[in-house]
PDB file of N, CA and C in Angstrom:
ATOM      1  N   MET A   1     -69.410 -32.949 -21.131  1.00  0.00           N
ATOM      2  CA  MET A   1     -68.695 -32.011 -20.376  1.00  0.00           C
ATOM      3  C   MET A   1     -67.680 -32.920 -19.484  1.00  0.00           C
ATOM      4  N   ASP A   2     -66.664 -32.380 -19.322  1.00  0.00           N
ATOM      5  CA  ASP A   2     -65.595 -33.463 -18.740  1.00  0.00           C
ATOM      6  C   ASP A   2     -65.346 -32.737 -17.086  1.00  0.00           C
ATOM      7  N   THR A   3     -65.843 -33.465 -16.188  1.00  0.00           N
ATOM      8  CA  THR A   3     -65.440 -33.144 -14.972  1.00  0.00           C
ATOM      9  C   THR A   3     -64.331 -33.582 -14.142  1.00  0.00           C
ATOM     10  N   ARG A   4     -63.608 -34.149 -14.685  1.00  0.00           N
ATOM     11  CA  ARG A   4     -62.296 -34.937 -14.144  1.00  0.00           C
ATOM     12  C   ARG A   4     -61.320 -33.730 -13.761  1.00  0.00           C
ATOM     13  N   LYS A   5     -60.562 -33.624 -12.836  1.00  0.00           N
ATOM     14  CA  LYS A   5     -59.522 -32.504 -12.441  1.00  0.00           C
ATOM     15  C   LYS A   5     -58.587 -32.739 -13.293  1.00  0.00           C
ATOM     16  N   LYS A   6     -57.983 -31.581 -13.691  1.00  0.00           N
ATOM     17  CA  LYS A   6     -56.755 -31.781 -14.480  1.00  0.00           C
ATOM     18  C   LYS A   6     -55.551 -31.427 -13.625  1.00  0.00           C
ATOM     19  N   PHE A   7     -54.777 -32.617 -13.548  1.00  0.00           N
ATOM     20  CA  PHE A   7     -53.679 -32.523 -12.686  1.00  0.00           C
ATOM     21  C   PHE A   7     -52.376 -32.366 -13.792  1.00  0.00           C
ATOM     22  N   PRO A   8     -51.435 -31.407 -13.118  1.00  0.00           N
ATOM     23  CA  PRO A   8     -50.079 -31.331 -13.991  1.00  0.00           C
ATOM     24  C   PRO A   8     -49.577 -32.733 -14.605  1.00  0.00           C
ATOM     25  N   ARG A   9     -48.920 -32.432 -15.709  1.00  0.00           N
ATOM     26  CA  ARG A   9     -48.344 -33.799 -16.083  1.00  0.00           C
ATOM     27  C   ARG A   9     -46.678 -33.786 -15.226  1.00  0.00           C
ATOM     28  N   VAL A  10     -46.404 -35.329 -15.386  1.00  0.00           N
ATOM     29  CA  VAL A  10     -45.267 -35.428 -14.532  1.00  0.00           C
ATOM     30  C   VAL A  10     -44.273 -34.709 -15.009  1.00  0.00           C
ATOM     31  N   SER A  11     -44.031 -34.646 -16.320  1.00  0.00           N
ATOM     32  CA  SER A  11     -42.919 -33.906 -17.103  1.00  0.00           C
ATOM     33  C   SER A  11     -42.710 -32.465 -16.646  1.00  0.00           C
ATOM     34  N   ASP A  12     -44.064 -31.815 -16.189  1.00  0.00           N
ATOM     35  CA  ASP A  12     -44.251 -30.304 -15.817  1.00  0.00           C
ATOM     36  C   ASP A  12     -43.742 -30.362 -14.314  1.00  0.00           C
ATOM     37  N   ILE A  13     -43.935 -31.426 -13.630  1.00  0.00           N
ATOM     38  CA  ILE A  13     -43.544 -31.209 -12.224  1.00  0.00           C
ATOM     39  C   ILE A  13     -42.108 -31.377 -12.204  1.00  0.00           C
ATOM     40  N   VAL A  14     -41.478 -32.355 -12.926  1.00  0.00           N
ATOM     41  CA  VAL A  14     -40.084 -32.830 -12.736  1.00  0.00           C
ATOM     42  C   VAL A  14     -39.130 -31.266 -13.306  1.00  0.00           C
ATOM     43  N   LEU A  15     -39.876 -30.882 -14.373  1.00  0.00           N
ATOM     44  CA  LEU A  15     -39.267 -29.477 -14.797  1.00  0.00           C
ATOM     45  C   LEU A  15     -39.073 -28.322 -13.870  1.00  0.00           C
ATOM     46  N   ILE A  16     -40.432 -28.174 -13.269  1.00  0.00           N
ATOM     47  CA  ILE A  16     -40.245 -27.277 -12.036  1.00  0.00           C
ATOM     48  C   ILE A  16     -39.361 -27.510 -11.236  1.00  0.00           C
ATOM     49  N   ILE A  17     -39.324 -28.538 -10.493  1.00  0.00           N
ATOM     50  CA  ILE A  17     -38.294 -29.195  -9.556  1.00  0.00           C
ATOM     51  C   ILE A  17     -36.803 -28.837  -9.936  1.00  0.00           C
ATOM     52  N   PHE A  18     -36.574 -29.281 -11.140  1.00  0.00           N
ATOM     53  CA  PHE A  18     -35.214 -29.070 -11.635  1.00  0.00           C
ATOM     54  C   PHE A  18     -34.777 -27.420 -11.739  1.00  0.00           C
ATOM     55  N   LEU A  19     -35.834 -26.586 -12.019  1.00  0.00           N
ATOM     56  CA  LEU A  19     -35.620 -25.195 -12.321  1.00  0.00           C
ATOM     57  C   LEU A  19     -35.380 -24.578 -11.036  1.00  0.00           C
ATOM     58  N   ILE A  20     -36.130 -24.956  -9.774  1.00  0.00           N
ATOM     59  CA  ILE A  20     -35.809 -24.643  -8.404  1.00  0.00           C
ATOM     60  C   ILE A  20     -34.614 -24.972  -8.080  1.00  0.00           C
ATOM     61  N   ALA A  21     -34.124 -26.420  -7.929  1.00  0.00           N
ATOM     62  CA  ALA A  21     -33.003 -26.886  -7.548  1.00  0.00           C
ATOM     63  C   ALA A  21     -31.891 -26.129  -8.293  1.00  0.00           C
ATOM     64  N   PHE A  22     -31.858 -25.744  -9.619  1.00  0.00           N
ATOM     65  CA  PHE A  22     -30.786 -25.212 -10.314  1.00  0.00           C
ATOM     66  C   PHE A  22     -30.550 -23.905  -9.702  1.00  0.00           C
ATOM     67  N   THR A  23     -31.934 -23.130  -9.503  1.00  0.00           N
ATOM     68  CA  THR A  23     -31.711 -21.658  -9.104  1.00  0.00           C
ATOM     69  C   THR A  23     -30.958 -21.661  -7.943  1.00  0.00           C
ATOM     70  N   ILE A  24     -31.359 -22.537  -6.970  1.00  0.00           N
ATOM     71  CA  ILE A  24     -30.893 -22.502  -5.495  1.00  0.00           C
ATOM     72  C   ILE A  24     -29.459 -23.045  -5.627  1.00  0.00           C
ATOM     73  N   GLY A  25     -29.163 -23.678  -6.661  1.00  0.00           N
ATOM     74  CA  GLY A  25     -27.595 -24.024  -6.569  1.00  0.00           C
ATOM     75  C   GLY A  25     -26.839 -23.018  -6.898  1.00  0.00           C
ATOM     76  N   VAL A  26     -27.314 -22.241  -8.069  1.00  0.00           N
ATOM     77  CA  VAL A  26     -26.498 -21.185  -8.598  1.00  0.00           C
ATOM     78  C   VAL A  26     -26.200 -20.003  -7.417  1.00  0.00           C
ATOM     79  N   LEU A  27     -27.459 -20.010  -6.824  1.00  0.00           N
ATOM     80  CA  LEU A  27     -27.359 -18.850  -5.814  1.00  0.00           C
ATOM     81  C   LEU A  27     -26.461 -19.076  -4.724  1.00  0.00           C
ATOM     82  N   TYR A  28     -26.310 -20.267  -4.311  1.00  0.00           N
ATOM     83  CA  TYR A  28     -25.542 -20.676  -3.155  1.00  0.00           C
ATOM     84  C   TYR A  28     -24.072 -20.716  -3.620  1.00  0.00           C
ATOM     85  N   LYS A  29     -23.945 -21.113  -4.851  1.00  0.00           N
ATOM     86  CA  LYS A  29     -22.511 -21.141  -5.398  1.00  0.00           C
ATOM     87  C   LYS A  29     -21.979 -19.843  -5.589  1.00  0.00           C
ATOM     88  N   CYS A  30     -22.633 -18.820  -5.898  1.00  0.00           N
ATOM     89  CA  CYS A  30     -22.317 -17.468  -5.889  1.00  0.00           C
ATOM     90  C   CYS A  30     -22.079 -16.820  -4.701  1.00  0.00           C
ATOM     91  N   THR A  31     -22.824 -17.242  -3.726  1.00  0.00           N
ATOM     92  CA  THR A  31     -22.754 -16.439  -2.415  1.00  0.00           C
ATOM     93  C   THR A  31     -21.865 -17.286  -1.191  1.00  0.00           C
ATOM     94  N   HIS A  32     -21.505 -18.348  -1.545  1.00  0.00           N
ATOM     95  CA  HIS A  32     -20.765 -19.211  -0.586  1.00  0.00           C
ATOM     96  C   HIS A  32     -19.860 -20.041  -1.417  1.00  0.00           C
ATOM     97  N   HIS A  33     -18.506 -19.579  -1.181  1.00  0.00           N
ATOM     98  CA  HIS A  33     -17.616 -20.490  -1.719  1.00  0.00           C
ATOM     99  C   HIS A  33     -16.245 -20.314  -0.537  1.00  0.00           C
ATOM    100  N   PRO A  34     -16.199 -21.046   0.491  1.00  0.00           N
ATOM    101  CA  PRO A  34     -15.334 -20.746   1.530  1.00  0.00           C
ATOM    102  C   PRO A  34     -13.854 -21.422   0.813  1.00  0.00           C
ATOM    103  N   HIS A  35     -14.030 -22.413   0.163  1.00  0.00           N
ATOM    104  CA  HIS A  35     -12.887 -22.991  -0.350  1.00  0.00           C
ATOM    105  C   HIS A  35     -12.613 -22.531  -1.979  1.00  0.00           C
ATOM    106  N   HIS A  36     -13.219 -21.483  -2.325  1.00  0.00           N
ATOM    107  CA  HIS A  36     -13.076 -21.276  -3.802  1.00  0.00           C
ATOM    108  C   HIS A  36     -11.784 -20.584  -3.989  1.00  0.00           C
ATOM    109  N   LEU A  37     -10.993 -21.152  -4.866  1.00  0.00           N
ATOM    110  CA  LEU A  37      -9.758 -20.533  -5.190  1.00  0.00           C
ATOM    111  C   LEU A  37      -9.648 -19.651  -6.252  1.00  0.00           C
ATOM    112  N   VAL A  38      -8.923 -18.501  -5.950  1.00  0.00           N
ATOM    113  CA  VAL A  38      -8.996 -17.534  -7.025  1.00  0.00           C
ATOM    114  C   VAL A  38      -7.598 -17.139  -7.438  1.00  0.00           C
ATOM    115  N   THR A  39      -7.091 -16.618  -8.590  1.00  0.00           N
ATOM    116  CA  THR A  39      -5.935 -16.395  -8.930  1.00  0.00           C
ATOM    117  C   THR A  39      -5.656 -14.655  -8.873  1.00  0.00           C
ATOM    118  N   LEU A  40      -4.743 -14.178  -8.154  1.00  0.00           N
ATOM    119  CA  LEU A  40      -4.197 -12.841  -8.196  1.00  0.00           C
ATOM    120  C   LEU A  40      -3.232 -12.776  -9.034  1.00  0.00           C
ATOM    121  N   LYS A  41      -3.098 -11.564  -9.940  1.00  0.00           N
ATOM    122  CA  LYS A  41      -2.141 -11.384 -10.786  1.00  0.00           C
ATOM    123  C   LYS A  41      -1.656  -9.834 -10.517  1.00  0.00           C
ATOM    124  N   PHE A  42      -0.411  -9.780 -10.360  1.00  0.00           N
ATOM    125  CA  PHE A  42       0.280  -8.505 -10.173  1.00  0.00           C
ATOM    126  C   PHE A  42       1.352  -8.283 -11.389  1.00  0.00           C
ATOM    127  N   GLN A  43       1.466  -7.180 -11.734  1.00  0.00           N
ATOM    128  CA  GLN A  43       2.458  -6.644 -12.661  1.00  0.00           C
ATOM    129  C   GLN A  43       3.681  -5.712 -11.972  1.00  0.00           C
ATOM    130  N   THR A  44       4.677  -6.025 -11.882  1.00  0.00           N
ATOM    131  CA  THR A  44       5.641  -5.476 -11.362  1.00  0.00           C
ATOM    132  C   THR A  44       6.002  -4.183 -12.293  1.00  0.00           C
ATOM    133  N   LEU A  45       7.039  -3.450 -11.827  1.00  0.00           N
ATOM    134  CA  LEU A  45       7.552  -2.312 -12.673  1.00  0.00           C
ATOM    135  C   LEU A  45       8.581  -2.706 -13.852  1.00  0.00           C
ATOM    136  N   ASP A  46       8.941  -3.982 -13.713  1.00  0.00           N
ATOM    137  CA  ASP A  46       9.774  -4.450 -14.705  1.00  0.00           C
ATOM    138  C   ASP A  46       8.862  -5.349 -15.635  1.00  0.00           C
ATOM    139  N   GLU A  47       7.707  -5.138 -15.427  1.00  0.00           N
ATOM    140  CA  GLU A  47       6.734  -5.966 -16.384  1.00  0.00           C
ATOM    141  C   GLU A  47       6.599  -7.518 -16.233  1.00  0.00           C
ATOM    142  N   CYS A  48       7.201  -7.841 -14.782  1.00  0.00           N
ATOM    143  CA  CYS A  48       7.179  -9.246 -14.677  1.00  0.00           C
ATOM    144  C   CYS A  48       5.592  -9.525 -13.930  1.00  0.00           C
ATOM    145  N   LEU A  49       4.930 -10.677 -14.228  1.00  0.00           N
ATOM    146  CA  LEU A  49       3.659 -10.842 -13.795  1.00  0.00           C
ATOM    147  C   LEU A  49       3.981 -11.944 -12.829  1.00  0.00           C
ATOM    148  N   ILE A  50       3.256 -11.632 -11.422  1.00  0.00           N
ATOM    149  CA  ILE A  50       3.243 -12.365 -10.416  1.00  0.00           C
ATOM    150  C   ILE A  50       1.800 -13.115 -10.138  1.00  0.00           C
ATOM    151  N   GLY A  51       1.757 -14.537 -10.194  1.00  0.00           N
ATOM    152  CA  GLY A  51       0.395 -15.157  -9.969  1.00  0.00           C
ATOM    153  C   GLY A  51       0.342 -15.827  -8.589  1.00  0.00           C
ATOM    154  N   VAL A  52      -0.579 -15.494  -8.172  1.00  0.00           N
ATOM    155  CA  VAL A  52      -0.668 -16.342  -6.601  1.00  0.00           C
ATOM    156  C   VAL A  52      -2.184 -17.034  -6.680  1.00  0.00           C
ATOM    157  N   ARG A  53      -2.246 -18.294  -6.056  1.00  0.00           N
ATOM    158  CA  ARG A  53      -3.408 -18.763  -5.825  1.00  0.00           C
ATOM    159  C   ARG A  53      -3.904 -18.819  -4.361  1.00  0.00           C
ATOM    160  N   ALA A  54      -5.126 -18.447  -4.145  1.00  0.00           N
ATOM    161  CA  ALA A  54      -5.489 -18.467  -2.771  1.00  0.00           C
ATOM    162  C   ALA A  54      -6.840 -18.815  -2.561  1.00  0.00           C
ATOM    163  N   SER A  55      -7.335 -19.157  -1.227  1.00  0.00           N
ATOM    164  CA  SER A  55      -8.389 -19.649  -0.948  1.00  0.00           C
ATOM    165  C   SER A  55      -9.303 -18.252  -0.529  1.00  0.00           C
ATOM    166  N   ALA A  56     -10.553 -18.153  -0.541  1.00  0.00           N
ATOM    167  CA  ALA A  56     -11.205 -17.071  -0.081  1.00  0.00           C
ATOM    168  C   ALA A  56     -11.117 -17.113   1.608  1.00  0.00           C
ATOM    169  N   GLY A  57     -10.858 -15.660   2.180  1.00  0.00           N
ATOM    170  CA  GLY A  57     -10.739 -15.454   3.451  1.00  0.00           C
ATOM    171  C   GLY A  57      -9.100 -15.505   3.905  1.00  0.00           C
ATOM    172  N   GLU A  58      -8.285 -15.862   2.865  1.00  0.00           N
ATOM    173  CA  GLU A  58      -6.826 -16.172   3.167  1.00  0.00           C
ATOM    174  C   GLU A  58      -6.240 -14.725   3.080  1.00  0.00           C
ATOM    175  N   ASP A  59      -5.244 -14.443   3.956  1.00  0.00           N
ATOM    176  CA  ASP A  59      -4.413 -13.368   4.030  1.00  0.00           C
ATOM    177  C   ASP A  59      -3.114 -13.739   3.153  1.00  0.00           C
ATOM    178  N   LEU A  60      -2.856 -12.553   2.437  1.00  0.00           N
ATOM    179  CA  LEU A  60      -1.525 -12.980   1.515  1.00  0.00           C
ATOM    180  C   LEU A  60      -0.824 -11.925   1.522  1.00  0.00           C
ATOM    181  N   GLU A  61       0.830 -12.384   1.730  1.00  0.00           N
ATOM    182  CA  GLU A  61       1.935 -11.334   1.564  1.00  0.00           C
ATOM    183  C   GLU A  61       2.415 -11.488   0.148  1.00  0.00           C
ATOM    184  N   ILE A  62       2.481 -10.263  -0.491  1.00  0.00           N
ATOM    185  CA  ILE A  62       2.948 -10.339  -1.918  1.00  0.00           C
ATOM    186  C   ILE A  62       4.154  -9.731  -2.047  1.00  0.00           C
ATOM    187  N   ALA A  63       5.208 -10.186  -2.498  1.00  0.00           N
ATOM    188  CA  ALA A  63       6.519  -9.659  -2.883  1.00  0.00           C
ATOM    189  C   ALA A  63       7.055  -9.960  -4.049  1.00  0.00           C
ATOM    190  N   SER A  64       7.796  -9.066  -4.783  1.00  0.00           N
ATOM    191  CA  SER A  64       8.478  -9.521  -5.924  1.00  0.00           C
ATOM    192  C   SER A  64       9.988  -9.775  -5.736  1.00  0.00           C
ATOM    193  N   SER A  65      10.633 -10.194  -6.536  1.00  0.00           N
ATOM    194  CA  SER A  65      11.924 -10.723  -6.268  1.00  0.00           C
ATOM    195  C   SER A  65      13.123  -9.443  -6.433  1.00  0.00           C
ATOM    196  N   ASN A  66      12.413  -8.446  -6.653  1.00  0.00           N
ATOM    197  CA  ASN A  66      13.317  -7.174  -6.757  1.00  0.00           C
ATOM    198  C   ASN A  66      12.830  -6.072  -6.207  1.00  0.00           C
ATOM    199  N   ALA A  67      13.664  -5.040  -6.095  1.00  0.00           N
ATOM    200  CA  ALA A  67      12.916  -3.777  -5.223  1.00  0.00           C
ATOM    201  C   ALA A  67      12.158  -3.100  -5.798  1.00  0.00           C
ATOM    202  N   ASN A  68      12.055  -3.321  -7.194  1.00  0.00           N
ATOM    203  CA  ASN A  68      10.840  -2.278  -7.832  1.00  0.00           C
ATOM    204  C   ASN A  68       9.507  -2.997  -8.021  1.00  0.00           C
ATOM    205  N   GLY A  69       9.460  -4.101  -7.423  1.00  0.00           N
ATOM    206  CA  GLY A  69       8.146  -4.803  -7.680  1.00  0.00           C
ATOM    207  C   GLY A  69       7.132  -4.373  -6.748  1.00  0.00           C
ATOM    208  N   VAL A  70       6.089  -5.384  -6.784  1.00  0.00           N
ATOM    209  CA  VAL A  70       4.975  -5.074  -5.704  1.00  0.00           C
ATOM    210  C   VAL A  70       5.222  -5.760  -4.533  1.00  0.00           C
ATOM    211  N   SER A  71       4.907  -5.038  -3.628  1.00  0.00           N
ATOM    212  CA  SER A  71       4.733  -5.736  -2.004  1.00  0.00           C
ATOM    213  C   SER A  71       3.611  -5.159  -1.338  1.00  0.00           C
ATOM    214  N   GLY A  72       3.077  -5.722  -0.508  1.00  0.00           N
ATOM    215  CA  GLY A  72       2.063  -5.256   0.133  1.00  0.00           C
ATOM    216  C   GLY A  72       1.153  -6.498   0.588  1.00  0.00           C
ATOM    217  N   HIS A  73       0.089  -5.981   1.185  1.00  0.00           N
ATOM    218  CA  HIS A  73      -0.550  -7.229   2.065  1.00  0.00           C
ATOM    219  C   HIS A  73      -2.169  -6.991   1.349  1.00  0.00           C
ATOM    220  N   LEU A  74      -2.505  -8.253   1.065  1.00  0.00           N
ATOM    221  CA  LEU A  74      -3.903  -8.554   0.335  1.00  0.00           C
ATOM    222  C   LEU A  74      -4.719  -9.504   1.351  1.00  0.00           C
ATOM    223  N   THR A  75      -6.150  -9.222   1.132  1.00  0.00           N
ATOM    224  CA  THR A  75      -7.018 -10.203   1.884  1.00  0.00           C
ATOM    225  C   THR A  75      -8.186 -10.367   0.668  1.00  0.00           C
ATOM    226  N   VAL A  76      -8.317 -11.718   0.365  1.00  0.00           N
ATOM    227  CA  VAL A  76      -9.360 -12.273  -0.518  1.00  0.00           C
ATOM    228  C   VAL A  76     -10.605 -12.291   0.371  1.00  0.00           C
ATOM    229  N   SER A  77     -11.624 -11.472   0.304  1.00  0.00           N
ATOM    230  CA  SER A  77     -12.982 -11.521   1.245  1.00  0.00           C
ATOM    231  C   SER A  77     -13.583 -13.003   1.155  1.00  0.00           C
ATOM    232  N   LYS A  78     -14.088 -13.415   2.274  1.00  0.00           N
ATOM    233  CA  LYS A  78     -14.941 -14.633   2.226  1.00  0.00           C
ATOM    234  C   LYS A  78     -16.230 -14.543   1.557  1.00  0.00           C
ATOM    235  N   ARG A  79     -16.787 -13.225   1.290  1.00  0.00           N
ATOM    236  CA  ARG A  79     -18.039 -12.944   0.747  1.00  0.00           C
ATOM    237  C   ARG A  79     -17.900 -12.080  -0.304  1.00  0.00           C
ATOM    238  N   SER A  80     -18.503 -12.343  -1.462  1.00  0.00           N
ATOM    239  CA  SER A  80     -18.326 -11.523  -2.539  1.00  0.00           C
ATOM    240  C   SER A  80     -19.525 -11.025  -3.264  1.00  0.00           C
ATOM    241  N   PHE A  81     -19.640 -10.240  -4.048  1.00  0.00           N
ATOM    242  CA  PHE A  81     -20.770  -9.697  -5.054  1.00  0.00           C
ATOM    243  C   PHE A  81     -20.617 -10.635  -6.259  1.00  0.00           C
ATOM    244  N   GLY A  82     -21.713 -11.657  -6.636  1.00  0.00           N
ATOM    245  CA  GLY A  82     -21.781 -12.394  -7.741  1.00  0.00           C
ATOM    246  C   GLY A  82     -20.733 -13.686  -7.417  1.00  0.00           C
ATOM    247  N   CYS A  83     -19.992 -14.102  -8.521  1.00  0.00           N
ATOM    248  CA  CYS A  83     -19.176 -15.206  -8.386  1.00  0.00           C
ATOM    249  C   CYS A  83     -17.745 -14.878  -8.214  1.00  0.00           C
ATOM    250  N   SER A  84     -17.379 -13.508  -8.227  1.00  0.00           N
ATOM    251  CA  SER A  84     -15.924 -13.246  -8.289  1.00  0.00           C
ATOM    252  C   SER A  84     -15.540 -12.453  -7.152  1.00  0.00           C
ATOM    253  N   PRO A  85     -14.461 -13.216  -6.345  1.00  0.00           N
ATOM    254  CA  PRO A  85     -14.299 -12.922  -4.810  1.00  0.00           C
ATOM    255  C   PRO A  85     -13.745 -11.453  -5.131  1.00  0.00           C
ATOM    256  N   GLN A  86     -13.962 -10.622  -4.078  1.00  0.00           N
ATOM    257  CA  GLN A  86     -13.533  -9.420  -3.999  1.00  0.00           C
ATOM    258  C   GLN A  86     -12.107  -9.392  -3.437  1.00  0.00           C
ATOM    259  N   ILE A  87     -11.226  -8.429  -3.904  1.00  0.00           N
ATOM    260  CA  ILE A  87      -9.681  -8.184  -3.351  1.00  0.00           C
ATOM    261  C   ILE A  87      -9.666  -6.992  -2.648  1.00  0.00           C
ATOM    262  N   GLN A  88      -9.110  -6.995  -1.719  1.00  0.00           N
ATOM    263  CA  GLN A  88      -8.742  -5.694  -0.759  1.00  0.00           C
ATOM    264  C   GLN A  88      -7.173  -5.454  -0.602  1.00  0.00           C
ATOM    265  N   GLY A  89      -6.709  -4.592  -1.336  1.00  0.00           N
ATOM    266  CA  GLY A  89      -5.254  -4.117  -1.264  1.00  0.00           C
ATOM    267  C   GLY A  89      -4.783  -3.236  -0.399  1.00  0.00           C
ATOM    268  N   ALA A  90      -3.853  -3.307  -0.164  1.00  0.00           N
ATOM    269  CA  ALA A  90      -3.038  -2.251   0.754  1.00  0.00           C
ATOM    270  C   ALA A  90      -2.859  -0.979  -0.121  1.00  0.00           C
ATOM    271  N   PRO A  91      -2.818   0.281   0.509  1.00  0.00           N
ATOM    272  CA  PRO A  91      -2.753   1.591  -0.487  1.00  0.00           C
ATOM    273  C   PRO A  91      -1.374   1.460  -1.391  1.00  0.00           C
ATOM    274  N   ASN A  92      -0.257   0.843  -0.786  1.00  0.00           N
ATOM    275  CA  ASN A  92       0.930   0.889  -1.634  1.00  0.00           C
ATOM    276  C   ASN A  92       0.894   0.072  -2.920  1.00  0.00           C
ATOM    277  N   LEU A  93      -0.078  -0.789  -3.055  1.00  0.00           N
ATOM    278  CA  LEU A  93      -0.363  -1.633  -4.364  1.00  0.00           C
ATOM    279  C   LEU A  93      -0.919  -0.749  -5.433  1.00  0.00           C
ATOM    280  N   GLY A  94      -1.567   0.586  -5.051  1.00  0.00           N
ATOM    281  CA  GLY A  94      -2.001   1.473  -6.069  1.00  0.00           C
ATOM    282  C   GLY A  94      -3.331   1.422  -6.578  1.00  0.00           C
ATOM    283  N   TYR A  95      -3.660  -0.005  -6.980  1.00  0.00           N
ATOM    284  CA  TYR A  95      -4.884  -0.108  -7.651  1.00  0.00           C
ATOM    285  C   TYR A  95      -5.411  -1.433  -7.003  1.00  0.00           C
ATOM    286  N   GLN A  96      -6.767  -1.293  -6.905  1.00  0.00           N
ATOM    287  CA  GLN A  96      -7.647  -2.607  -6.528  1.00  0.00           C
ATOM    288  C   GLN A  96      -8.532  -3.212  -7.636  1.00  0.00           C
ATOM    289  N   GLY A  97      -8.453  -4.516  -7.729  1.00  0.00           N
ATOM    290  CA  GLY A  97      -9.456  -5.145  -8.494  1.00  0.00           C
ATOM    291  C   GLY A  97      -8.588  -6.675  -8.905  1.00  0.00           C
ATOM    292  N   TRP A  98      -9.230  -6.993  -9.977  1.00  0.00           N
ATOM    293  CA  TRP A  98      -8.946  -8.462 -10.300  1.00  0.00           C
ATOM    294  C   TRP A  98      -7.339  -8.618 -10.675  1.00  0.00           C
ATOM    295  N   TYR A  99      -7.194  -7.653 -11.550  1.00  0.00           N
ATOM    296  CA  TYR A  99      -5.695  -7.541 -11.705  1.00  0.00           C
ATOM    297  C   TYR A  99      -5.200  -6.315 -11.012  1.00  0.00           C
ATOM    298  N   GLN A 100      -4.078  -6.645 -10.542  1.00  0.00           N
ATOM    299  CA  GLN A 100      -3.411  -5.576  -9.591  1.00  0.00           C
ATOM    300  C   GLN A 100      -2.091  -5.067 -10.540  1.00  0.00           C
ATOM    301  N   LYS A 101      -2.036  -3.753 -10.412  1.00  0.00           N
ATOM    302  CA  LYS A 101      -0.818  -3.396 -11.210  1.00  0.00           C
ATOM    303  C   LYS A 101       0.049  -2.281 -10.253  1.00  0.00           C
ATOM    304  N   ALA A 102       1.220  -2.509 -10.119  1.00  0.00           N
ATOM    305  CA  ALA A 102       2.309  -1.701  -9.352  1.00  0.00           C
ATOM    306  C   ALA A 102       2.174  -0.439 -10.037  1.00  0.00           C
ATOM    307  N   PRO A 103       2.175   0.701  -9.190  1.00  0.00           N
ATOM    308  CA  PRO A 103       2.184   2.161  -9.814  1.00  0.00           C
ATOM    309  C   PRO A 103       3.652   2.420 -10.556  1.00  0.00           C
ATOM    310  N   THR A 104       3.411   3.062 -11.383  1.00  0.00           N
ATOM    311  CA  THR A 104       4.792   3.431 -11.957  1.00  0.00           C
ATOM    312  C   THR A 104       5.347   4.371 -11.308  1.00  0.00           C
ATOM    313  N   LEU A 105       6.720   4.717 -11.632  1.00  0.00           N
ATOM    314  CA  LEU A 105       7.525   5.563 -11.024  1.00  0.00           C
ATOM    315  C   LEU A 105       7.079   6.915 -10.979  1.00  0.00           C
ATOM    316  N   GLU A 106       6.435   7.558 -12.283  1.00  0.00           N
ATOM    317  CA  GLU A 106       5.553   8.781 -12.252  1.00  0.00           C
ATOM    318  C   GLU A 106       4.496   8.872 -11.175  1.00  0.00           C
ATOM    319  N   GLU A 107       3.772   7.691 -11.246  1.00  0.00           N
ATOM    320  CA  GLU A 107       2.638   7.371 -10.303  1.00  0.00           C
ATOM    321  C   GLU A 107       3.003   7.629  -8.892  1.00  0.00           C
ATOM    322  N   ARG A 108       4.134   7.194  -8.550  1.00  0.00           N
ATOM    323  CA  ARG A 108       4.593   7.213  -7.129  1.00  0.00           C
ATOM    324  C   ARG A 108       4.942   8.419  -6.818  1.00  0.00           C
ATOM    325  N   LEU A 109       5.789   9.182  -7.774  1.00  0.00           N
ATOM    326  CA  LEU A 109       6.208  10.469  -7.248  1.00  0.00           C
ATOM    327  C   LEU A 109       5.150  11.590  -7.233  1.00  0.00           C
ATOM    328  N   ILE A 110       3.987  11.378  -7.946  1.00  0.00           N
ATOM    329  CA  ILE A 110       2.784  12.159  -7.946  1.00  0.00           C
ATOM    330  C   ILE A 110       2.117  11.984  -6.454  1.00  0.00           C
ATOM    331  N   SER A 111       2.060  10.641  -6.157  1.00  0.00           N
ATOM    332  CA  SER A 111       1.158  10.486  -5.120  1.00  0.00           C
ATOM    333  C   SER A 111       1.933  10.547  -3.799  1.00  0.00           C
ATOM    334  N   ASP A 112       3.175  10.936  -3.601  1.00  0.00           N
ATOM    335  CA  ASP A 112       4.082  11.311  -2.634  1.00  0.00           C
ATOM    336  C   ASP A 112       4.025  12.428  -2.188  1.00  0.00           C
TER     337      ASP A 112
END
């Protein structure tokens, strides 16, 4: 009869520590990214794409080069769900989300 205590193997302890550290790292990365850069894309009425790089928490003013394009104020939130920063747009931008699209002329007439 073996009366010695059975201790976990060193490899088991290392694996457990690695898994705990990895889990903490992923959770931290997905919830805290004050310097996380995001790309905002906008489609203007003349089908031009506008891309803007911004840090989380930064306020943006978006304007296109012509009168038919996108204009408005955006805020990239400091905290987000998961790893994708949330984007809050002004009502005149029409849509909220990762890819913002300018309202078409018909949509503007309907909403006015």
